[in-house]
C-alpha atoms as a PDB file:
ATOM      1  CA  UNK A   1     -79.954  59.402-188.433  1.00  0.00           C
ATOM      2  CA  UNK A   2     -83.169  61.127-187.678  1.00  0.00           C
ATOM      3  CA  UNK A   3     -86.119  59.776-189.152  1.00  0.00           C
ATOM      4  CA  UNK A   4     -89.313  61.358-189.872  1.00  0.00           C
ATOM      5  CA  UNK A   5     -92.297  59.998-191.440  1.00  0.00           C
ATOM      6  CA  UNK A   6     -96.264  60.606-191.996  1.00  0.00           C
ATOM      7  CA  UNK A   7     -97.299  64.237-192.572  1.00  0.00           C
ATOM      8  CA  UNK A   8     -94.550  67.005-192.066  1.00  0.00           C
ATOM      9  CA  UNK A   9     -95.673  69.527-189.829  1.00  0.00           C
ATOM     10  CA  UNK A  10     -92.278  70.890-188.768  1.00  0.00           C
ATOM     11  CA  UNK A  11     -93.249  74.607-190.364  1.00  0.00           C
ATOM     12  CA  UNK A  12     -96.510  74.654-188.532  1.00  0.00           C
ATOM     13  CA  UNK A  13     -95.657  74.160-184.861  1.00  0.00           C
ATOM     14  CA  UNK A  14     -94.187  75.984-182.029  1.00  0.00           C
ATOM     15  CA  UNK A  15     -91.643  73.091-180.683  1.00  0.00           C
ATOM     16  CA  UNK A  16     -90.076  74.390-177.036  1.00  0.00           C
ATOM     17  CA  UNK A  17     -86.954  72.782-176.051  1.00  0.00           C
ATOM     18  CA  UNK A  18     -86.873  70.988-172.779  1.00  0.00           C
ATOM     19  CA  UNK A  19     -84.554  69.201-170.241  1.00  0.00           C
ATOM     20  CA  UNK A  20     -85.590  65.828-169.342  1.00  0.00           C
ATOM     21  CA  UNK A  21     -86.418  67.025-165.646  1.00  0.00           C
ATOM     22  CA  UNK A  22     -89.408  68.710-166.385  1.00  0.00           C
ATOM     23  CA  UNK A  23     -91.110  64.944-167.418  1.00  0.00           C
ATOM     24  CA  UNK A  24     -89.827  63.520-164.017  1.00  0.00           C
ATOM     25  CA  UNK A  25     -92.612  61.415-162.305  1.00  0.00           C
ATOM     26  CA  UNK A  26     -94.489  61.358-165.733  1.00  0.00           C
ATOM     27  CA  UNK A  27     -95.257  58.027-167.954  1.00  0.00           C
ATOM     28  CA  UNK A  28     -94.179  58.714-171.582  1.00  0.00           C
ATOM     29  CA  UNK A  29     -95.267  56.838-174.547  1.00  0.00           C
ATOM     30  CA  UNK A  30     -92.241  55.811-176.834  1.00  0.00           C
ATOM     31  CA  UNK A  31     -92.872  54.849-180.257  1.00  0.00           C
ATOM     32  CA  UNK A  32     -90.562  51.459-181.034  1.00  0.00           C
ATOM     33  CA  UNK A  33     -90.327  51.369-184.509  1.00  0.00           C
ATOM     34  CA  UNK A  34     -88.756  54.729-185.342  1.00  0.00           C
ATOM     35  CA  UNK A  35     -86.241  54.543-182.292  1.00  0.00           C
ATOM     36  CA  UNK A  36     -85.303  50.896-183.894  1.00  0.00           C
ATOM     37  CA  UNK A  37     -84.991  51.649-187.156  1.00  0.00           C
ATOM     38  CA  UNK A  38     -82.424  55.050-185.827  1.00  0.00           C
ATOM     39  CA  UNK A  39     -80.618  52.579-183.881  1.00  0.00           C
ATOM     40  CA  UNK A  40     -80.095  49.812-186.839  1.00  0.00           C
ATOM     41  CA  UNK A  41     -79.048  52.478-189.245  1.00  0.00           C
ATOM     42  CA  UNK A  42     -76.557  54.404-186.980  1.00  0.00           C
ATOM     43  CA  UNK A  43     -74.950  51.495-185.127  1.00  0.00           C
ATOM     44  CA  UNK A  44     -73.255  49.788-188.035  1.00  0.00           C
ATOM     45  CA  UNK A  45     -70.305  47.909-189.575  1.00  0.00           C
ATOM     46  CA  UNK A  46     -68.199  48.901-192.555  1.00  0.00           C
ATOM     47  CA  UNK A  47     -70.173  47.332-194.780  1.00  0.00           C
ATOM     48  CA  UNK A  48     -73.592  49.250-193.760  1.00  0.00           C
ATOM     49  CA  UNK A  49     -75.431  46.225-191.937  1.00  0.00           C
ATOM     50  CA  UNK A  50     -76.252  46.918-188.195  1.00  0.00           C
ATOM     51  CA  UNK A  51     -73.934  45.543-185.500  1.00  0.00           C
ATOM     52  CA  UNK A  52     -74.631  42.032-184.775  1.00  0.00           C
ATOM     53  CA  UNK A  53     -73.175  38.878-182.831  1.00  0.00           C
ATOM     54  CA  UNK A  54     -72.720  35.739-184.815  1.00  0.00           C
ATOM     55  CA  UNK A  55     -75.385  36.745-187.201  1.00  0.00           C
ATOM     56  CA  UNK A  56     -77.970  38.193-184.915  1.00  0.00           C
ATOM     57  CA  UNK A  57     -78.734  41.771-185.018  1.00  0.00           C
ATOM     58  CA  UNK A  58     -78.056  43.537-181.819  1.00  0.00           C
ATOM     59  CA  UNK A  59     -78.080  47.283-182.668  1.00  0.00           C
ATOM     60  CA  UNK A  60     -81.472  47.878-181.423  1.00  0.00           C
ATOM     61  CA  UNK A  61     -80.806  46.403-178.398  1.00  0.00           C
ATOM     62  CA  UNK A  62     -77.843  48.497-177.565  1.00  0.00           C
ATOM     63  CA  UNK A  63     -79.946  51.472-178.597  1.00  0.00           C
ATOM     64  CA  UNK A  64     -82.693  50.261-176.305  1.00  0.00           C
ATOM     65  CA  UNK A  65     -80.607  49.154-173.435  1.00  0.00           C
ATOM     66  CA  UNK A  66     -78.799  52.709-173.099  1.00  0.00           C
ATOM     67  CA  UNK A  67     -81.938  54.911-173.795  1.00  0.00           C
ATOM     68  CA  UNK A  68     -84.520  53.137-171.791  1.00  0.00           C
ATOM     69  CA  UNK A  69     -82.097  53.051-168.681  1.00  0.00           C
ATOM     70  CA  UNK A  70     -81.645  56.939-168.959  1.00  0.00           C
ATOM     71  CA  UNK A  71     -84.928  57.689-169.173  1.00  0.00           C
ATOM     72  CA  UNK A  72     -85.786  55.905-166.388  1.00  0.00           C
ATOM     73  CA  UNK A  73     -82.584  57.218-164.451  1.00  0.00           C
ATOM     74  CA  UNK A  74     -84.486  60.558-165.256  1.00  0.00           C
ATOM     75  CA  UNK A  75     -87.343  59.501-163.498  1.00  0.00           C
ATOM     76  CA  UNK A  76     -89.242  59.171-166.670  1.00  0.00           C
ATOM     77  CA  UNK A  77     -91.644  55.958-166.648  1.00  0.00           C
ATOM     78  CA  UNK A  78     -91.273  54.806-170.835  1.00  0.00           C
ATOM     79  CA  UNK A  79     -94.334  52.816-172.275  1.00  0.00           C
ATOM     80  CA  UNK A  80     -92.910  51.268-175.255  1.00  0.00           C
ATOM     81  CA  UNK A  81     -95.552  51.007-177.678  1.00  0.00           C
ATOM     82  CA  UNK A  82     -94.861  48.435-180.733  1.00  0.00           C
ATOM     83  CA  UNK A  83     -97.258  48.570-184.063  1.00  0.00           C
ATOM     84  CA  UNK A  84     -99.713  46.412-184.601  1.00  0.00           C
ATOM     85  CA  UNK A  85    -101.590  45.165-188.277  1.00  0.00           C
ATOM     86  CA  UNK A  86    -101.122  48.155-190.631  1.00  0.00           C
ATOM     87  CA  UNK A  87    -104.153  49.707-191.861  1.00  0.00           C
ATOM     88  CA  UNK A  88    -105.402  48.766-195.289  1.00  0.00           C
ATOM     89  CA  UNK A  89    -104.904  52.421-196.489  1.00  0.00           C
ATOM     90  CA  UNK A  90    -101.560  52.370-195.840  1.00  0.00           C
ATOM     91  CA  UNK A  91    -100.908  49.690-198.579  1.00  0.00           C
ATOM     92  CA  UNK A  92     -99.750  52.160-201.078  1.00  0.00           C
ATOM     93  CA  UNK A  93     -97.224  53.934-198.950  1.00  0.00           C
ATOM     94  CA  UNK A  94     -95.777  50.448-197.624  1.00  0.00           C
ATOM     95  CA  UNK A  95     -95.496  48.963-201.567  1.00  0.00           C
ATOM     96  CA  UNK A  96     -93.804  52.133-202.511  1.00  0.00           C
ATOM     97  CA  UNK A  97     -91.248  51.642-199.519  1.00  0.00           C
ATOM     98  CA  UNK A  98     -90.880  47.556-200.225  1.00  0.00           C
ATOM     99  CA  UNK A  99     -89.907  48.917-204.017  1.00  0.00           C
ATOM    100  CA  UNK A 100     -87.383  51.277-202.859  1.00  0.00           C
ATOM    101  CA  UNK A 101     -85.824  48.837-200.556  1.00  0.00           C
ATOM    102  CA  UNK A 102     -85.508  46.101-202.826  1.00  0.00           C
ATOM    103  CA  UNK A 103     -83.832  48.920-205.563  1.00  0.00           C
ATOM    104  CA  UNK A 104     -81.578  49.719-202.540  1.00  0.00           C
ATOM    105  CA  UNK A 105     -80.419  46.206-201.800  1.00  0.00           C
ATOM    106  CA  UNK A 106     -79.404  45.278-205.508  1.00  0.00           C
ATOM    107  CA  UNK A 107     -77.014  48.355-205.219  1.00  0.00           C
ATOM    108  CA  UNK A 108     -75.817  47.702-202.042  1.00  0.00           C
ATOM    109  CA  UNK A 109     -75.158  43.753-203.017  1.00  0.00           C
ATOM    110  CA  UNK A 110     -73.192  45.370-205.799  1.00  0.00           C
ATOM    111  CA  UNK A 111     -71.294  47.382-203.813  1.00  0.00           C
ATOM    112  CA  UNK A 112     -70.305  44.692-201.540  1.00  0.00           C
ATOM    113  CA  UNK A 113     -69.452  42.634-204.262  1.00  0.00           C
ATOM    114  CA  UNK A 114     -67.373  45.582-205.982  1.00  0.00           C
ATOM    115  CA  UNK A 115     -65.569  46.033-202.538  1.00  0.00           C
ATOM    116  CA  UNK A 116     -66.703  49.603-202.515  1.00  0.00           C
ATOM    117  CA  UNK A 117     -67.336  49.859-198.782  1.00  0.00           C
ATOM    118  CA  UNK A 118     -68.085  53.439-199.213  1.00  0.00           C
ATOM    119  CA  UNK A 119     -70.932  52.712-201.003  1.00  0.00           C
ATOM    120  CA  UNK A 120     -72.226  49.946-199.070  1.00  0.00           C
ATOM    121  CA  UNK A 121     -71.932  52.052-195.916  1.00  0.00           C
ATOM    122  CA  UNK A 122     -74.387  54.666-197.411  1.00  0.00           C
ATOM    123  CA  UNK A 123     -76.829  51.944-198.743  1.00  0.00           C
ATOM    124  CA  UNK A 124     -76.915  49.940-195.840  1.00  0.00           C
ATOM    125  CA  UNK A 125     -79.540  52.216-193.741  1.00  0.00           C
ATOM    126  CA  UNK A 126     -81.899  52.180-196.906  1.00  0.00           C
ATOM    127  CA  UNK A 127     -82.067  48.157-196.639  1.00  0.00           C
ATOM    128  CA  UNK A 128     -82.591  48.214-192.805  1.00  0.00           C
ATOM    129  CA  UNK A 129     -85.128  45.884-191.476  1.00  0.00           C
ATOM    130  CA  UNK A 130     -86.627  45.446-187.880  1.00  0.00           C
ATOM    131  CA  UNK A 131     -87.836  41.794-188.204  1.00  0.00           C
ATOM    132  CA  UNK A 132     -90.061  39.822-186.048  1.00  0.00           C
ATOM    133  CA  UNK A 133     -87.367  38.324-184.382  1.00  0.00           C
ATOM    134  CA  UNK A 134     -85.542  41.587-183.456  1.00  0.00           C
ATOM    135  CA  UNK A 135     -89.324  42.651-182.104  1.00  0.00           C
ATOM    136  CA  UNK A 136     -89.202  39.604-179.728  1.00  0.00           C
ATOM    137  CA  UNK A 137     -85.577  40.502-178.793  1.00  0.00           C
ATOM    138  CA  UNK A 138     -86.362  43.817-177.918  1.00  0.00           C
ATOM    139  CA  UNK A 139     -89.685  42.655-175.995  1.00  0.00           C
ATOM    140  CA  UNK A 140     -87.439  40.096-174.007  1.00  0.00           C
ATOM    141  CA  UNK A 141     -84.916  42.987-172.976  1.00  0.00           C
ATOM    142  CA  UNK A 142     -88.022  45.266-171.481  1.00  0.00           C
ATOM    143  CA  UNK A 143     -89.166  42.541-169.912  1.00  0.00           C
ATOM    144  CA  UNK A 144     -85.808  42.104-168.219  1.00  0.00           C
ATOM    145  CA  UNK A 145     -85.371  45.927-167.535  1.00  0.00           C
ATOM    146  CA  UNK A 146     -89.198  45.870-165.939  1.00  0.00           C
ATOM    147  CA  UNK A 147     -89.770  48.450-168.551  1.00  0.00           C
ATOM    148  CA  UNK A 148     -93.292  48.295-169.712  1.00  0.00           C
ATOM    149  CA  UNK A 149     -94.206  47.697-173.519  1.00  0.00           C
ATOM    150  CA  UNK A 150     -97.484  47.444-175.278  1.00  0.00           C
ATOM    151  CA  UNK A 151     -98.561  46.384-178.603  1.00  0.00           C
ATOM    152  CA  UNK A 152    -100.670  48.283-180.468  1.00  0.00           C
ATOM    153  CA  UNK A 153    -103.750  46.993-182.695  1.00  0.00           C
ATOM    154  CA  UNK A 154    -102.700  48.979-185.576  1.00  0.00           C
ATOM    155  CA  UNK A 155    -100.227  52.342-185.875  1.00  0.00           C
ATOM    156  CA  UNK A 156     -98.041  52.568-182.557  1.00  0.00           C
ATOM    157  CA  UNK A 157     -98.210  56.635-182.719  1.00  0.00           C
ATOM    158  CA  UNK A 158    -102.219  56.377-183.390  1.00  0.00           C
ATOM    159  CA  UNK A 159    -102.690  53.946-180.337  1.00  0.00           C
ATOM    160  CA  UNK A 160    -100.513  56.052-178.046  1.00  0.00           C
ATOM    161  CA  UNK A 161    -102.170  59.079-178.830  1.00  0.00           C
ATOM    162  CA  UNK A 162    -105.469  57.898-178.083  1.00  0.00           C
ATOM    163  CA  UNK A 163    -104.079  56.580-174.743  1.00  0.00           C
ATOM    164  CA  UNK A 164    -103.031  60.134-174.023  1.00  0.00           C
ATOM    165  CA  UNK A 165    -105.928  61.943-174.740  1.00  0.00           C
ATOM    166  CA  UNK A 166    -107.569  59.585-171.996  1.00  0.00           C
ATOM    167  CA  UNK A 167    -105.218  60.212-169.504  1.00  0.00           C
ATOM    168  CA  UNK A 168    -103.188  57.131-169.605  1.00  0.00           C
ATOM    169  CA  UNK A 169     -99.756  58.452-170.495  1.00  0.00           C
ATOM    170  CA  UNK A 170     -98.697  62.348-170.179  1.00  0.00           C
ATOM    171  CA  UNK A 171     -97.262  62.500-173.651  1.00  0.00           C
ATOM    172  CA  UNK A 172     -95.846  60.473-176.714  1.00  0.00           C
ATOM    173  CA  UNK A 173     -92.426  60.539-177.645  1.00  0.00           C
ATOM    174  CA  UNK A 174     -91.836  60.169-181.675  1.00  0.00           C
ATOM    175  CA  UNK A 175     -90.331  61.461-184.412  1.00  0.00           C
ATOM    176  CA  UNK A 176     -93.716  61.004-186.516  1.00  0.00           C
ATOM    177  CA  UNK A 177     -95.965  64.323-187.052  1.00  0.00           C
ATOM    178  CA  UNK A 178     -99.039  62.347-187.574  1.00  0.00           C
ATOM    179  CA  UNK A 179     -98.755  61.895-183.799  1.00  0.00           C
ATOM    180  CA  UNK A 180    -100.558  65.308-183.594  1.00  0.00           C
ATOM    181  CA  UNK A 181    -102.574  64.408-186.224  1.00  0.00           C
ATOM    182  CA  UNK A 182    -104.020  61.515-183.987  1.00  0.00           C
ATOM    183  CA  UNK A 183    -104.664  63.970-181.374  1.00  0.00           C
ATOM    184  CA  UNK A 184    -102.085  63.512-178.931  1.00  0.00           C
ATOM    185  CA  UNK A 185    -102.507  66.702-176.627  1.00  0.00           C
ATOM    186  CA  UNK A 186     -98.357  66.533-176.057  1.00  0.00           C
ATOM    187  CA  UNK A 187     -95.879  65.030-178.512  1.00  0.00           C
ATOM    188  CA  UNK A 188     -92.472  64.939-177.430  1.00  0.00           C
ATOM    189  CA  UNK A 189     -89.195  64.678-180.379  1.00  0.00           C
ATOM    190  CA  UNK A 190     -85.892  63.746-179.824  1.00  0.00           C
ATOM    191  CA  UNK A 191     -86.565  62.364-176.215  1.00  0.00           C
ATOM    192  CA  UNK A 192     -84.421  59.272-176.675  1.00  0.00           C
ATOM    193  CA  UNK A 193     -81.960  61.415-178.547  1.00  0.00           C
ATOM    194  CA  UNK A 194     -81.632  64.277-176.019  1.00  0.00           C
ATOM    195  CA  UNK A 195     -78.167  65.177-175.537  1.00  0.00           C
ATOM    196  CA  UNK A 196     -76.285  63.136-178.453  1.00  0.00           C
ATOM    197  CA  UNK A 197     -74.724  64.957-181.317  1.00  0.00           C
ATOM    198  CA  UNK A 198     -76.167  65.099-184.394  1.00  0.00           C
ATOM    199  CA  UNK A 199     -74.942  67.211-187.668  1.00  0.00           C
ATOM    200  CA  UNK A 200     -72.442  69.141-185.318  1.00  0.00           C
ATOM    201  CA  UNK A 201     -75.012  70.088-182.881  1.00  0.00           C
ATOM    202  CA  UNK A 202     -76.325  68.777-179.522  1.00  0.00           C
ATOM    203  CA  UNK A 203     -80.158  67.674-180.038  1.00  0.00           C
ATOM    204  CA  UNK A 204     -82.763  68.511-177.187  1.00  0.00           C
ATOM    205  CA  UNK A 205     -86.224  67.023-176.518  1.00  0.00           C
ATOM    206  CA  UNK A 206     -88.849  69.568-177.475  1.00  0.00           C
ATOM    207  CA  UNK A 207     -92.289  69.355-176.542  1.00  0.00           C
ATOM    208  CA  UNK A 208     -95.127  70.467-179.151  1.00  0.00           C
ATOM    209  CA  UNK A 209     -98.768  70.858-177.747  1.00  0.00           C
ATOM    210  CA  UNK A 210    -101.635  69.961-180.062  1.00  0.00           C
ATOM    211  CA  UNK A 211    -103.935  73.151-178.405  1.00  0.00           C
ATOM    212  CA  UNK A 212    -101.477  75.770-178.634  1.00  0.00           C
ATOM    213  CA  UNK A 213    -100.865  74.575-182.475  1.00  0.00           C
ATOM    214  CA  UNK A 214    -104.413  74.718-182.788  1.00  0.00           C
ATOM    215  CA  UNK A 215    -104.719  78.322-181.370  1.00  0.00           C
ATOM    216  CA  UNK A 216    -101.695  79.567-183.599  1.00  0.00           C
ATOM    217  CA  UNK A 217    -102.877  78.398-186.282  1.00  0.00           C
ATOM    218  CA  UNK A 218    -106.355  79.532-185.941  1.00  0.00           C
ATOM    219  CA  UNK A 219    -107.857  76.332-186.965  1.00  0.00           C
ATOM    220  CA  UNK A 220    -110.156  73.615-185.284  1.00  0.00           C
ATOM    221  CA  UNK A 221    -109.181  69.587-184.950  1.00  0.00           C
ATOM    222  CA  UNK A 222    -110.785  68.676-187.563  1.00  0.00           C
ATOM    223  CA  UNK A 223    -109.556  71.404-190.023  1.00  0.00           C
ATOM    224  CA  UNK A 224    -106.295  70.122-188.693  1.00  0.00           C
ATOM    225  CA  UNK A 225    -106.564  66.570-189.638  1.00  0.00           C
ATOM    226  CA  UNK A 226    -108.160  68.043-193.269  1.00  0.00           C
ATOM    227  CA  UNK A 227    -104.853  69.755-193.510  1.00  0.00           C
ATOM    228  CA  UNK A 228    -102.882  67.141-192.817  1.00  0.00           C
ATOM    229  CA  UNK A 229    -104.649  64.907-195.363  1.00  0.00           C
ATOM    230  CA  UNK A 230    -103.953  67.662-198.436  1.00  0.00           C
ATOM    231  CA  UNK A 231    -100.381  67.921-197.345  1.00  0.00           C
ATOM    232  CA  UNK A 232    -100.023  64.254-197.189  1.00  0.00           C
ATOM    233  CA  UNK A 233     -99.962  61.274-195.045  1.00  0.00           C
ATOM    234  CA  UNK A 234     -99.115  57.810-195.005  1.00  0.00           C
ATOM    235  CA  UNK A 235    -102.282  57.360-195.874  1.00  0.00           C
ATOM    236  CA  UNK A 236    -102.988  59.766-199.025  1.00  0.00           C
ATOM    237  CA  UNK A 237    -100.390  61.462-201.181  1.00  0.00           C
ATOM    238  CA  UNK A 238    -102.182  64.870-200.515  1.00  0.00           C
ATOM    239  CA  UNK A 239    -103.302  67.764-203.032  1.00  0.00           C
ATOM    240  CA  UNK A 240    -100.270  68.911-205.733  1.00  0.00           C
ATOM    241  CA  UNK A 241     -99.136  71.826-205.192  1.00  0.00           C
ATOM    242  CA  UNK A 242    -100.215  72.066-201.254  1.00  0.00           C
ATOM    243  CA  UNK A 243     -97.660  72.513-198.658  1.00  0.00           C
ATOM    244  CA  UNK A 244     -98.117  73.203-194.900  1.00  0.00           C
ATOM    245  CA  UNK A 245     -98.489  77.184-195.202  1.00  0.00           C
ATOM    246  CA  UNK A 246    -100.545  77.071-198.453  1.00  0.00           C
ATOM    247  CA  UNK A 247    -102.820  74.780-196.900  1.00  0.00           C
ATOM    248  CA  UNK A 248    -103.576  76.679-193.693  1.00  0.00           C
ATOM    249  CA  UNK A 249    -104.281  79.415-195.677  1.00  0.00           C
ATOM    250  CA  UNK A 250    -106.696  77.419-197.674  1.00  0.00           C
ATOM    251  CA  UNK A 251    -108.350  75.484-194.936  1.00  0.00           C
ATOM    252  CA  UNK A 252    -108.689  78.987-193.167  1.00  0.00           C
ATOM    253  CA  UNK A 253    -110.502  80.353-196.348  1.00  0.00           C
ATOM    254  CA  UNK A 254    -112.718  77.715-197.113  1.00  0.00           C
ATOM    255  CA  UNK A 255    -113.133  75.395-194.011  1.00  0.00           C
ATOM    256  CA  UNK A 256    -112.920  71.840-195.271  1.00  0.00           C
ATOM    257  CA  UNK A 257    -111.008  69.439-197.450  1.00  0.00           C
ATOM    258  CA  UNK A 258    -114.124  69.084-199.726  1.00  0.00           C
ATOM    259  CA  UNK A 259    -114.108  72.919-200.360  1.00  0.00           C
ATOM    260  CA  UNK A 260    -110.348  73.236-200.783  1.00  0.00           C
ATOM    261  CA  UNK A 261    -110.688  70.511-203.413  1.00  0.00           C
ATOM    262  CA  UNK A 262    -113.710  72.287-205.637  1.00  0.00           C
ATOM    263  CA  UNK A 263    -111.661  75.609-205.225  1.00  0.00           C
ATOM    264  CA  UNK A 264    -108.310  73.715-206.714  1.00  0.00           C
ATOM    265  CA  UNK A 265    -110.481  71.669-209.154  1.00  0.00           C
ATOM    266  CA  UNK A 266    -108.941  68.187-207.449  1.00  0.00           C
ATOM    267  CA  UNK A 267    -110.608  65.064-206.550  1.00  0.00           C
ATOM    268  CA  UNK A 268    -111.646  64.240-202.929  1.00  0.00           C
ATOM    269  CA  UNK A 269    -110.226  61.028-201.875  1.00  0.00           C
ATOM    270  CA  UNK A 270    -112.911  58.229-202.402  1.00  0.00           C
ATOM    271  CA  UNK A 271    -112.078  56.987-198.760  1.00  0.00           C
ATOM    272  CA  UNK A 272    -112.190  60.453-197.138  1.00  0.00           C
ATOM    273  CA  UNK A 273    -114.308  59.268-194.305  1.00  0.00           C
ATOM    274  CA  UNK A 274    -112.104  56.434-193.494  1.00  0.00           C
ATOM    275  CA  UNK A 275    -108.621  58.496-193.573  1.00  0.00           C
ATOM    276  CA  UNK A 276    -110.514  61.095-191.161  1.00  0.00           C
ATOM    277  CA  UNK A 277    -111.582  58.168-188.816  1.00  0.00           C
ATOM    278  CA  UNK A 278    -108.166  56.807-188.435  1.00  0.00           C
ATOM    279  CA  UNK A 279    -107.223  59.986-187.173  1.00  0.00           C
ATOM    280  CA  UNK A 280    -110.096  61.068-185.270  1.00  0.00           C
ATOM    281  CA  UNK A 281    -110.643  57.472-183.703  1.00  0.00           C
ATOM    282  CA  UNK A 282    -107.512  55.352-183.988  1.00  0.00           C
ATOM    283  CA  UNK A 283    -107.755  51.942-182.330  1.00  0.00           C
ATOM    284  CA  UNK A 284    -106.169  51.427-179.406  1.00  0.00           C
ATOM    285  CA  UNK A 285    -105.928  49.270-176.161  1.00  0.00           C
ATOM    286  CA  UNK A 286    -108.899  49.263-173.880  1.00  0.00           C
ATOM    287  CA  UNK A 287    -106.706  49.347-170.732  1.00  0.00           C
ATOM    288  CA  UNK A 288    -104.406  51.873-169.685  1.00  0.00           C
ATOM    289  CA  UNK A 289    -100.691  50.465-169.768  1.00  0.00           C
ATOM    290  CA  UNK A 290     -99.593  48.060-166.623  1.00  0.00           C
ATOM    291  CA  UNK A 291     -97.625  49.598-163.840  1.00  0.00           C
ATOM    292  CA  UNK A 292     -93.506  48.793-164.006  1.00  0.00           C
ATOM    293  CA  UNK A 293     -92.295  45.728-162.439  1.00  0.00           C
ATOM    294  CA  UNK A 294     -88.529  45.430-161.505  1.00  0.00           C
ATOM    295  CA  UNK A 295     -85.901  44.206-163.890  1.00  0.00           C
ATOM    296  CA  UNK A 296     -83.667  41.703-163.032  1.00  0.00           C
ATOM    297  CA  UNK A 297     -80.032  42.283-163.316  1.00  0.00           C
ATOM    298  CA  UNK A 298     -78.746  38.394-163.606  1.00  0.00           C
ATOM    299  CA  UNK A 299     -81.368  37.864-166.418  1.00  0.00           C
ATOM    300  CA  UNK A 300     -79.962  41.038-168.447  1.00  0.00           C
ATOM    301  CA  UNK A 301     -76.296  39.823-167.803  1.00  0.00           C
ATOM    302  CA  UNK A 302     -77.394  36.593-169.251  1.00  0.00           C
ATOM    303  CA  UNK A 303     -79.149  37.816-172.363  1.00  0.00           C
ATOM    304  CA  UNK A 304     -76.709  40.396-173.413  1.00  0.00           C
ATOM    305  CA  UNK A 305     -72.942  39.754-172.025  1.00  0.00           C
ATOM    306  CA  UNK A 306     -73.668  35.766-172.133  1.00  0.00           C
ATOM    307  CA  UNK A 307     -75.456  35.177-175.034  1.00  0.00           C
ATOM    308  CA  UNK A 308     -75.053  38.417-176.971  1.00  0.00           C
ATOM    309  CA  UNK A 309     -71.977  39.327-176.507  1.00  0.00           C
ATOM    310  CA  UNK A 310     -71.905  42.783-175.130  1.00  0.00           C
ATOM    311  CA  UNK A 311     -68.985  44.402-173.052  1.00  0.00           C
ATOM    312  CA  UNK A 312     -70.112  44.171-169.456  1.00  0.00           C
ATOM    313  CA  UNK A 313     -69.392  47.594-168.826  1.00  0.00           C
ATOM    314  CA  UNK A 314     -71.749  48.778-171.382  1.00  0.00           C
ATOM    315  CA  UNK A 315     -74.148  46.207-169.653  1.00  0.00           C
ATOM    316  CA  UNK A 316     -73.133  47.313-166.312  1.00  0.00           C
ATOM    317  CA  UNK A 317     -73.997  51.242-166.955  1.00  0.00           C
ATOM    318  CA  UNK A 318     -77.489  50.095-167.663  1.00  0.00           C
ATOM    319  CA  UNK A 319     -77.684  48.266-164.349  1.00  0.00           C
ATOM    320  CA  UNK A 320     -76.266  50.892-162.154  1.00  0.00           C
ATOM    321  CA  UNK A 321     -78.925  53.134-163.657  1.00  0.00           C
ATOM    322  CA  UNK A 322     -81.620  51.313-163.055  1.00  0.00           C
ATOM    323  CA  UNK A 323     -80.168  49.621-159.450  1.00  0.00           C
ATOM    324  CA  UNK A 324     -80.084  53.682-158.538  1.00  0.00           C
ATOM    325  CA  UNK A 325     -83.501  54.047-159.460  1.00  0.00           C
ATOM    326  CA  UNK A 326     -84.641  50.968-157.224  1.00  0.00           C
ATOM    327  CA  UNK A 327     -86.101  49.510-160.376  1.00  0.00           C
ATOM    328  CA  UNK A 328     -83.786  46.604-160.199  1.00  0.00           C
ATOM    329  CA  UNK A 329     -83.728  43.038-158.242  1.00  0.00           C
ATOM    330  CA  UNK A 330     -80.840  40.701-157.453  1.00  0.00           C
ATOM    331  CA  UNK A 331     -80.310  37.332-156.714  1.00  0.00           C
ATOM    332  CA  UNK A 332     -77.133  38.343-154.518  1.00  0.00           C
ATOM    333  CA  UNK A 333     -78.217  41.984-153.634  1.00  0.00           C
ATOM    334  CA  UNK A 334     -81.079  42.945-151.688  1.00  0.00           C
ATOM    335  CA  UNK A 335     -83.350  46.166-152.871  1.00  0.00           C
ATOM    336  CA  UNK A 336     -86.000  48.213-151.238  1.00  0.00           C
ATOM    337  CA  UNK A 337     -88.335  45.645-152.888  1.00  0.00           C
ATOM    338  CA  UNK A 338     -87.000  42.931-150.913  1.00  0.00           C
ATOM    339  CA  UNK A 339     -88.369  44.414-147.735  1.00  0.00           C
END
C-alpha cells in the first residue's frame, strides 16, 4: 500500500528512476511515519491487524529492520526523522482523519464479529495506528542497528527539507509531495520500496529535483508554494475547481494566490501568511544529524529474536548486511572498529 499525503504534485514534476548505487556514500533523510504506516498496513494478519507478538505490534519493526539494513548495505547512510507536534493549522485535517478512522473501526469490529474476514482484511489498514510505544520500539531498534534518528520539532518532511537545504543531507526520502513545497532541493520517492512488487510492477526509486521542477513550470519558489496551497494541502483545502494543471496556468497568469483568488471570486485564507511561513521557514533542528554509530549484534538478536519472536534467519539477514558494511560490533567477533 503506497501512502501519499499532502499536496498531490505528481502531474507537475519530472520523476527520474534511479538505481540505489547512485546514492552510495550519501546521507538521506527518511520520513519515518509514512514508512511505518506502509509496514503496519501491508504486514497484516487474516483480520487486517498488523503482525504482532503476544499483543505487541511488530510489523513496523520487520519493515524497518529489512529496509534500513538494505540501505546501509547499498552504501546509503539513512537519517530517520520522526514527526514532532503537528502545527495548529493541521488540526482540521487531523480531526477529519480521526473521524474516518473511528467509522472504519466501527465497521471493522462489526466485520470481525460477523467473521467476515475479507471485509476485516480490507478495513484493517484504515484503522492502523503508529502509537507512542511503537515509536519507542522503532528508536530502540535504530539505536541497536547504529542507525541515526532525530525528532523533528514539527513535521518530519518539513524539518528534513530544511536540513537538506543547508546541506546536512543530500536528499529527503518521502512519499509526501509537501516535501518539495518545504523546499527540499532533492526528493526521493519509493526509496524504501525500491525493488518491491506493487500492483504487478516492480517499483524503482525516483529522483525529483526542485530547481528542475520550477524551471519546467516556469514559476518561482514563492509561486510554487502558492500553487500548492491553491491545489490543497494539509493546512488548507485549496480552491474549489483548481487542480494541478489549472493551478499552474492561473499562477503563471496572475502571479500570486491573492490575484488568483480575486479573479475566481474566492476568499483568501485568513492565515495565508502563517501557511506560507510553514512552507518557507519550517521549524527544524539546529544541528545537523550526528554521525552513525556501530550496531550491536547481540542487542539486535536479544530484542528481535528473544523478546519479540522474530525468526533467526530473518534477523541474521539484516545482521549480515550490517556486518558486511562494517557497521556492526559483536562481543564474540571483532570488526575493523575494534582495532
